[in-house]
Amino acid sequence: MSPSPPPPGPSRPAAAVNAEIRALLERTRRQLSDVERLEYEQLLREYADAVRAEVVEAA
């Protein structure tokens, strides 16, 4: 499965992205392949963006 860029528009909530990260790591239960590593890194970036957006909204 190749990683795909996040959909345009508002980002998903941090909790949703975090759940996807957890599912990826639970699914693999081993060292990540190169493709999985790319997906993981993309999810981490999306998660960081979502957390920043939520902090800005709360302020």
N, C-alpha and C. Protein backbone atom coordinates (compact mmCIF):
# COMPACT_ATOMS: atom_id res chain seq x y z
N MET A 1 0.85 -1.17 0.00
CA MET A 1 0.00 0.00 0.00
C MET A 1 0.89 1.23 0.00
N SER A 2 0.72 2.09 -0.98
CA SER A 2 1.55 3.29 -1.05
C SER A 2 0.89 4.42 -0.29
N PRO A 3 1.71 5.24 0.38
CA PRO A 3 1.13 6.36 1.12
C PRO A 3 0.56 7.39 0.15
N SER A 4 -0.53 7.99 0.57
CA SER A 4 -1.12 9.02 -0.27
C SER A 4 -1.14 10.33 0.51
N PRO A 5 -1.07 11.44 -0.19
CA PRO A 5 -1.09 12.72 0.51
C PRO A 5 -2.43 12.93 1.20
N PRO A 6 -2.44 13.72 2.27
CA PRO A 6 -3.71 13.97 2.95
C PRO A 6 -4.66 14.72 2.03
N PRO A 7 -5.96 14.51 2.22
CA PRO A 7 -6.91 15.20 1.35
C PRO A 7 -6.83 16.70 1.54
N PRO A 8 -7.11 17.47 0.48
CA PRO A 8 -7.07 18.93 0.62
C PRO A 8 -8.18 19.39 1.56
N GLY A 9 -8.00 20.58 2.08
CA GLY A 9 -9.01 21.14 2.98
C GLY A 9 -8.61 20.95 4.42
N PRO A 10 -9.57 21.06 5.32
CA PRO A 10 -9.26 20.95 6.74
C PRO A 10 -8.64 19.59 7.07
N SER A 11 -7.70 19.62 7.98
CA SER A 11 -7.05 18.37 8.36
C SER A 11 -7.98 17.56 9.26
N ARG A 12 -7.70 16.28 9.33
CA ARG A 12 -8.47 15.42 10.22
C ARG A 12 -8.11 15.77 11.65
N PRO A 13 -8.96 15.44 12.59
CA PRO A 13 -8.63 15.67 14.00
C PRO A 13 -7.40 14.85 14.40
N ALA A 14 -6.62 15.38 15.33
CA ALA A 14 -5.41 14.70 15.79
C ALA A 14 -5.73 13.30 16.29
N ALA A 15 -6.85 13.14 16.95
CA ALA A 15 -7.22 11.82 17.49
C ALA A 15 -7.41 10.80 16.38
N ALA A 16 -7.98 11.22 15.25
CA ALA A 16 -8.19 10.30 14.12
C ALA A 16 -6.85 9.88 13.52
N VAL A 17 -5.95 10.83 13.37
CA VAL A 17 -4.63 10.52 12.80
C VAL A 17 -3.86 9.62 13.76
N ASN A 18 -3.94 9.92 15.05
CA ASN A 18 -3.27 9.10 16.06
C ASN A 18 -3.79 7.66 16.01
N ALA A 19 -5.08 7.50 15.84
CA ALA A 19 -5.65 6.16 15.75
C ALA A 19 -5.10 5.42 14.53
N GLU A 20 -4.92 6.13 13.43
CA GLU A 20 -4.37 5.50 12.23
C GLU A 20 -2.91 5.12 12.43
N ILE A 21 -2.15 5.96 13.13
CA ILE A 21 -0.75 5.63 13.44
C ILE A 21 -0.70 4.38 14.29
N ARG A 22 -1.54 4.34 15.32
CA ARG A 22 -1.57 3.15 16.19
C ARG A 22 -1.96 1.89 15.42
N ALA A 23 -2.92 2.02 14.52
CA ALA A 23 -3.35 0.87 13.72
C ALA A 23 -2.21 0.38 12.83
N LEU A 24 -1.48 1.31 12.23
CA LEU A 24 -0.34 0.93 11.39
C LEU A 24 0.69 0.15 12.20
N LEU A 25 1.03 0.68 13.36
CA LEU A 25 2.05 0.01 14.18
C LEU A 25 1.55 -1.32 14.73
N GLU A 26 0.27 -1.39 15.06
CA GLU A 26 -0.31 -2.65 15.55
C GLU A 26 -0.35 -3.69 14.42
N ARG A 27 -0.66 -3.23 13.22
CA ARG A 27 -0.77 -4.12 12.07
C ARG A 27 0.59 -4.72 11.71
N THR A 28 1.64 -3.92 11.81
CA THR A 28 2.95 -4.40 11.38
C THR A 28 3.62 -5.26 12.44
N ARG A 29 3.63 -4.79 13.69
CA ARG A 29 4.26 -5.52 14.81
C ARG A 29 5.68 -5.99 14.49
N ARG A 30 6.35 -5.24 13.66
CA ARG A 30 7.73 -5.56 13.28
C ARG A 30 8.37 -4.27 12.77
N GLN A 31 9.58 -4.37 12.30
CA GLN A 31 10.22 -3.22 11.70
C GLN A 31 9.45 -2.84 10.44
N LEU A 32 9.25 -1.55 10.24
CA LEU A 32 8.47 -1.08 9.11
C LEU A 32 9.24 -1.24 7.80
N SER A 33 8.51 -1.61 6.74
CA SER A 33 9.11 -1.64 5.41
C SER A 33 9.33 -0.20 4.95
N ASP A 34 10.00 -0.03 3.84
CA ASP A 34 10.24 1.32 3.32
C ASP A 34 8.92 2.03 3.02
N VAL A 35 7.97 1.33 2.44
CA VAL A 35 6.67 1.93 2.13
C VAL A 35 5.92 2.28 3.41
N GLU A 36 5.95 1.38 4.38
CA GLU A 36 5.28 1.64 5.66
C GLU A 36 5.95 2.81 6.39
N ARG A 37 7.25 2.89 6.29
CA ARG A 37 7.98 4.00 6.91
C ARG A 37 7.54 5.33 6.31
N LEU A 38 7.38 5.38 4.99
CA LEU A 38 6.91 6.60 4.33
C LEU A 38 5.49 6.95 4.79
N GLU A 39 4.64 5.95 4.90
CA GLU A 39 3.28 6.18 5.39
C GLU A 39 3.30 6.71 6.82
N TYR A 40 4.14 6.10 7.66
CA TYR A 40 4.27 6.51 9.06
C TYR A 40 4.75 7.97 9.14
N GLU A 41 5.75 8.32 8.35
CA GLU A 41 6.28 9.69 8.38
C GLU A 41 5.23 10.69 7.91
N GLN A 42 4.45 10.33 6.90
CA GLN A 42 3.39 11.21 6.43
C GLN A 42 2.33 11.39 7.51
N LEU A 43 1.99 10.30 8.19
CA LEU A 43 1.01 10.39 9.27
C LEU A 43 1.52 11.25 10.42
N LEU A 44 2.80 11.15 10.73
CA LEU A 44 3.37 11.99 11.79
C LEU A 44 3.28 13.46 11.43
N ARG A 45 3.57 13.78 10.17
CA ARG A 45 3.44 15.18 9.73
C ARG A 45 1.99 15.65 9.81
N GLU A 46 1.07 14.81 9.38
CA GLU A 46 -0.34 15.16 9.44
C GLU A 46 -0.79 15.33 10.89
N TYR A 47 -0.30 14.46 11.77
CA TYR A 47 -0.64 14.55 13.19
C TYR A 47 -0.13 15.87 13.78
N ALA A 48 1.10 16.22 13.48
CA ALA A 48 1.67 17.47 13.99
C ALA A 48 0.87 18.67 13.49
N ASP A 49 0.48 18.65 12.22
CA ASP A 49 -0.34 19.74 11.67
C ASP A 49 -1.70 19.81 12.38
N ALA A 50 -2.30 18.65 12.63
CA ALA A 50 -3.60 18.62 13.28
C ALA A 50 -3.52 19.14 14.71
N VAL A 51 -2.45 18.77 15.42
CA VAL A 51 -2.29 19.25 16.80
C VAL A 51 -2.11 20.77 16.79
N ARG A 52 -1.29 21.28 15.88
CA ARG A 52 -1.10 22.74 15.79
C ARG A 52 -2.42 23.44 15.48
N ALA A 53 -3.20 22.88 14.56
CA ALA A 53 -4.48 23.49 14.20
C ALA A 53 -5.43 23.51 15.40
N GLU A 54 -5.42 22.44 16.17
CA GLU A 54 -6.30 22.36 17.34
C GLU A 54 -5.87 23.35 18.42
N VAL A 55 -4.58 23.56 18.56
CA VAL A 55 -4.08 24.52 19.54
C VAL A 55 -4.47 25.93 19.12
N VAL A 56 -4.35 26.24 17.84
CA VAL A 56 -4.72 27.56 17.33
C VAL A 56 -6.22 27.80 17.53
N GLU A 57 -7.05 26.79 17.25
CA GLU A 57 -8.49 26.93 17.43
C GLU A 57 -8.84 27.16 18.89
N ALA A 58 -8.13 26.49 19.79
CA ALA A 58 -8.41 26.63 21.22
C ALA A 58 -8.01 28.00 21.75
N ALA A 59 -7.02 28.62 21.11
CA ALA A 59 -6.54 29.91 21.59
C ALA A 59 -7.43 31.02 21.16
